[in-house]
């Protein structure tokens, strides 16, 4: 599961890097720039969710070890 979350995070980081190059910073809310911004935000959400998943798995393991 840990490898899966790391792979998903790496894919999200790659998507962020690609979409930053697609944003037209002169008009960021027009045309294809808005799609790139939405994808960047979605990728950031994925990274956040994977971090929460990794933390919850760590907590689950600690609780199991205490019993």
N, C-alpha and C. Protein backbone atom coordinates (compact mmCIF):
# COMPACT_ATOMS: atom_id res chain seq x y z
N UNK A 1 0.82 -1.20 0.00
CA UNK A 1 0.00 0.00 0.00
C UNK A 1 0.87 1.26 0.00
N UNK A 2 2.03 1.18 0.68
CA UNK A 2 2.89 2.34 0.75
C UNK A 2 3.45 2.68 -0.62
N UNK A 3 3.83 1.67 -1.38
CA UNK A 3 4.36 1.90 -2.73
C UNK A 3 3.29 2.51 -3.62
N UNK A 4 2.06 2.04 -3.48
CA UNK A 4 0.94 2.56 -4.27
C UNK A 4 0.73 4.04 -4.01
N UNK A 5 0.75 4.45 -2.73
CA UNK A 5 0.53 5.86 -2.41
C UNK A 5 1.69 6.72 -2.92
N UNK A 6 2.90 6.18 -2.86
CA UNK A 6 4.04 6.94 -3.36
C UNK A 6 3.94 7.12 -4.88
N UNK A 7 3.55 6.07 -5.58
CA UNK A 7 3.39 6.16 -7.04
C UNK A 7 2.31 7.17 -7.41
N UNK A 8 1.19 7.13 -6.70
CA UNK A 8 0.11 8.09 -6.97
C UNK A 8 0.58 9.52 -6.72
N UNK A 9 1.35 9.73 -5.64
CA UNK A 9 1.87 11.07 -5.36
C UNK A 9 2.84 11.53 -6.44
N UNK A 10 3.68 10.63 -6.93
CA UNK A 10 4.61 11.00 -8.00
C UNK A 10 3.88 11.36 -9.29
N UNK A 11 2.82 10.62 -9.60
CA UNK A 11 2.01 10.94 -10.79
C UNK A 11 1.36 12.32 -10.62
N UNK A 12 0.85 12.60 -9.42
CA UNK A 12 0.23 13.90 -9.16
C UNK A 12 1.25 15.03 -9.29
N UNK A 13 2.45 14.80 -8.80
CA UNK A 13 3.49 15.83 -8.91
C UNK A 13 3.86 16.05 -10.38
N UNK A 14 3.92 14.97 -11.16
CA UNK A 14 4.20 15.11 -12.59
C UNK A 14 3.09 15.89 -13.29
N UNK A 15 1.84 15.63 -12.92
CA UNK A 15 0.73 16.37 -13.50
C UNK A 15 0.80 17.85 -13.15
N UNK A 16 1.18 18.15 -11.92
CA UNK A 16 1.32 19.55 -11.51
C UNK A 16 2.41 20.22 -12.34
N UNK A 17 3.53 19.55 -12.47
CA UNK A 17 4.64 20.14 -13.24
C UNK A 17 4.24 20.38 -14.69
N UNK A 18 3.55 19.43 -15.29
CA UNK A 18 3.12 19.60 -16.68
C UNK A 18 2.13 20.74 -16.81
N UNK A 19 1.16 20.80 -15.90
CA UNK A 19 0.11 21.81 -16.03
C UNK A 19 0.58 23.21 -15.70
N UNK A 20 1.63 23.33 -14.90
CA UNK A 20 2.18 24.67 -14.65
C UNK A 20 2.72 25.24 -15.95
N UNK A 21 3.25 24.38 -16.82
CA UNK A 21 3.75 24.87 -18.10
C UNK A 21 2.62 25.26 -19.05
N UNK A 22 1.41 24.76 -18.80
CA UNK A 22 0.28 25.04 -19.67
C UNK A 22 -0.47 26.33 -19.31
N UNK A 23 -0.20 26.86 -18.13
CA UNK A 23 -0.92 28.05 -17.66
C UNK A 23 -0.34 29.29 -18.33
N UNK A 24 -1.22 30.09 -18.90
CA UNK A 24 -0.84 31.39 -19.45
C UNK A 24 -1.00 32.39 -18.30
N UNK A 25 0.11 32.88 -17.76
CA UNK A 25 0.05 33.71 -16.56
C UNK A 25 -0.45 35.12 -16.84
N UNK A 26 -0.56 35.50 -18.11
CA UNK A 26 -1.15 36.80 -18.44
C UNK A 26 -2.66 36.75 -18.30
N UNK A 27 -3.26 35.64 -18.69
CA UNK A 27 -4.72 35.44 -18.54
C UNK A 27 -4.96 34.04 -17.97
N UNK A 28 -4.78 33.87 -16.66
CA UNK A 28 -4.86 32.52 -16.09
C UNK A 28 -6.27 31.94 -16.00
N UNK A 29 -7.30 32.77 -16.14
CA UNK A 29 -8.67 32.27 -16.00
C UNK A 29 -9.42 32.25 -17.33
N UNK A 30 -8.70 32.13 -18.43
CA UNK A 30 -9.33 32.07 -19.73
C UNK A 30 -8.75 30.92 -20.54
N UNK A 31 -9.59 30.30 -21.33
CA UNK A 31 -9.14 29.26 -22.24
C UNK A 31 -8.65 28.01 -21.53
N UNK A 32 -7.55 27.50 -22.04
CA UNK A 32 -7.03 26.24 -21.49
C UNK A 32 -6.28 26.44 -20.18
N UNK A 33 -6.02 27.68 -19.82
CA UNK A 33 -5.34 27.94 -18.55
C UNK A 33 -6.21 27.53 -17.37
N UNK A 34 -7.50 27.72 -17.48
CA UNK A 34 -8.40 27.36 -16.38
C UNK A 34 -8.43 25.84 -16.19
N UNK A 35 -8.35 25.09 -17.28
CA UNK A 35 -8.29 23.63 -17.19
C UNK A 35 -7.01 23.21 -16.48
N UNK A 36 -5.91 23.86 -16.81
CA UNK A 36 -4.64 23.55 -16.17
C UNK A 36 -4.69 23.88 -14.68
N UNK A 37 -5.30 25.01 -14.33
CA UNK A 37 -5.41 25.38 -12.92
C UNK A 37 -6.28 24.39 -12.15
N UNK A 38 -7.38 23.95 -12.76
CA UNK A 38 -8.25 22.97 -12.11
C UNK A 38 -7.50 21.65 -11.90
N UNK A 39 -6.72 21.25 -12.88
CA UNK A 39 -5.94 20.02 -12.76
C UNK A 39 -4.87 20.14 -11.69
N UNK A 40 -4.27 21.30 -11.56
CA UNK A 40 -3.27 21.53 -10.51
C UNK A 40 -3.93 21.40 -9.14
N UNK A 41 -5.08 22.02 -8.97
CA UNK A 41 -5.79 21.94 -7.68
C UNK A 41 -6.21 20.50 -7.39
N UNK A 42 -6.68 19.79 -8.40
CA UNK A 42 -7.08 18.39 -8.21
C UNK A 42 -5.88 17.52 -7.81
N UNK A 43 -4.74 17.77 -8.43
CA UNK A 43 -3.54 17.02 -8.08
C UNK A 43 -3.07 17.31 -6.66
N UNK A 44 -3.20 18.56 -6.26
CA UNK A 44 -2.87 18.90 -4.87
C UNK A 44 -3.79 18.19 -3.89
N UNK A 45 -5.06 18.07 -4.25
CA UNK A 45 -6.02 17.34 -3.41
C UNK A 45 -5.64 15.86 -3.30
N UNK A 46 -5.19 15.29 -4.41
CA UNK A 46 -4.76 13.88 -4.40
C UNK A 46 -3.57 13.69 -3.48
N UNK A 47 -2.61 14.61 -3.54
CA UNK A 47 -1.44 14.52 -2.67
C UNK A 47 -1.86 14.62 -1.20
N UNK A 48 -2.77 15.52 -0.91
CA UNK A 48 -3.28 15.67 0.46
C UNK A 48 -3.99 14.40 0.93
N UNK A 49 -4.81 13.81 0.08
CA UNK A 49 -5.52 12.58 0.45
C UNK A 49 -4.55 11.43 0.68
N UNK A 50 -3.52 11.33 -0.15
CA UNK A 50 -2.53 10.26 0.03
C UNK A 50 -1.74 10.46 1.32
N UNK A 51 -1.48 11.71 1.68
CA UNK A 51 -0.80 11.98 2.96
C UNK A 51 -1.68 11.58 4.13
N UNK A 52 -2.97 11.89 4.04
CA UNK A 52 -3.91 11.49 5.09
C UNK A 52 -3.99 9.97 5.19
N UNK A 53 -4.00 9.28 4.05
CA UNK A 53 -4.04 7.82 4.04
C UNK A 53 -2.80 7.23 4.69
N UNK A 54 -1.63 7.78 4.37
CA UNK A 54 -0.39 7.26 4.96
C UNK A 54 -0.37 7.49 6.47
N UNK A 55 -0.82 8.63 6.92
CA UNK A 55 -0.87 8.92 8.36
C UNK A 55 -1.85 8.00 9.06
N UNK A 56 -3.01 7.77 8.45
CA UNK A 56 -4.00 6.90 9.08
C UNK A 56 -3.50 5.45 9.16
N UNK A 57 -2.75 5.00 8.15
CA UNK A 57 -2.17 3.65 8.20
C UNK A 57 -1.13 3.55 9.31
N UNK A 58 -0.33 4.61 9.49
CA UNK A 58 0.65 4.62 10.56
C UNK A 58 -0.02 4.56 11.93
N UNK A 59 -1.10 5.32 12.09
CA UNK A 59 -1.84 5.30 13.35
C UNK A 59 -2.44 3.93 13.58
N UNK A 60 -2.98 3.32 12.54
CA UNK A 60 -3.57 1.98 12.64
C UNK A 60 -2.53 0.97 13.10
N UNK A 61 -1.32 1.05 12.57
CA UNK A 61 -0.25 0.13 12.97
C UNK A 61 0.13 0.33 14.43
N UNK A 62 0.22 1.57 14.88
CA UNK A 62 0.57 1.85 16.28
C UNK A 62 -0.49 1.32 17.23
N UNK A 63 -1.75 1.44 16.84
CA UNK A 63 -2.83 0.95 17.68
C UNK A 63 -2.78 -0.58 17.75
N UNK A 64 -2.49 -1.23 16.63
CA UNK A 64 -2.37 -2.69 16.62
C UNK A 64 -1.22 -3.16 17.49
N UNK A 65 -0.09 -2.45 17.46
CA UNK A 65 1.08 -2.83 18.24
C UNK A 65 0.88 -2.64 19.74
N UNK A 66 0.00 -1.73 20.12
CA UNK A 66 -0.25 -1.51 21.54
C UNK A 66 -1.11 -2.60 22.16
N UNK A 67 -1.92 -3.27 21.36
CA UNK A 67 -2.82 -4.29 21.92
C UNK A 67 -2.16 -5.58 22.10
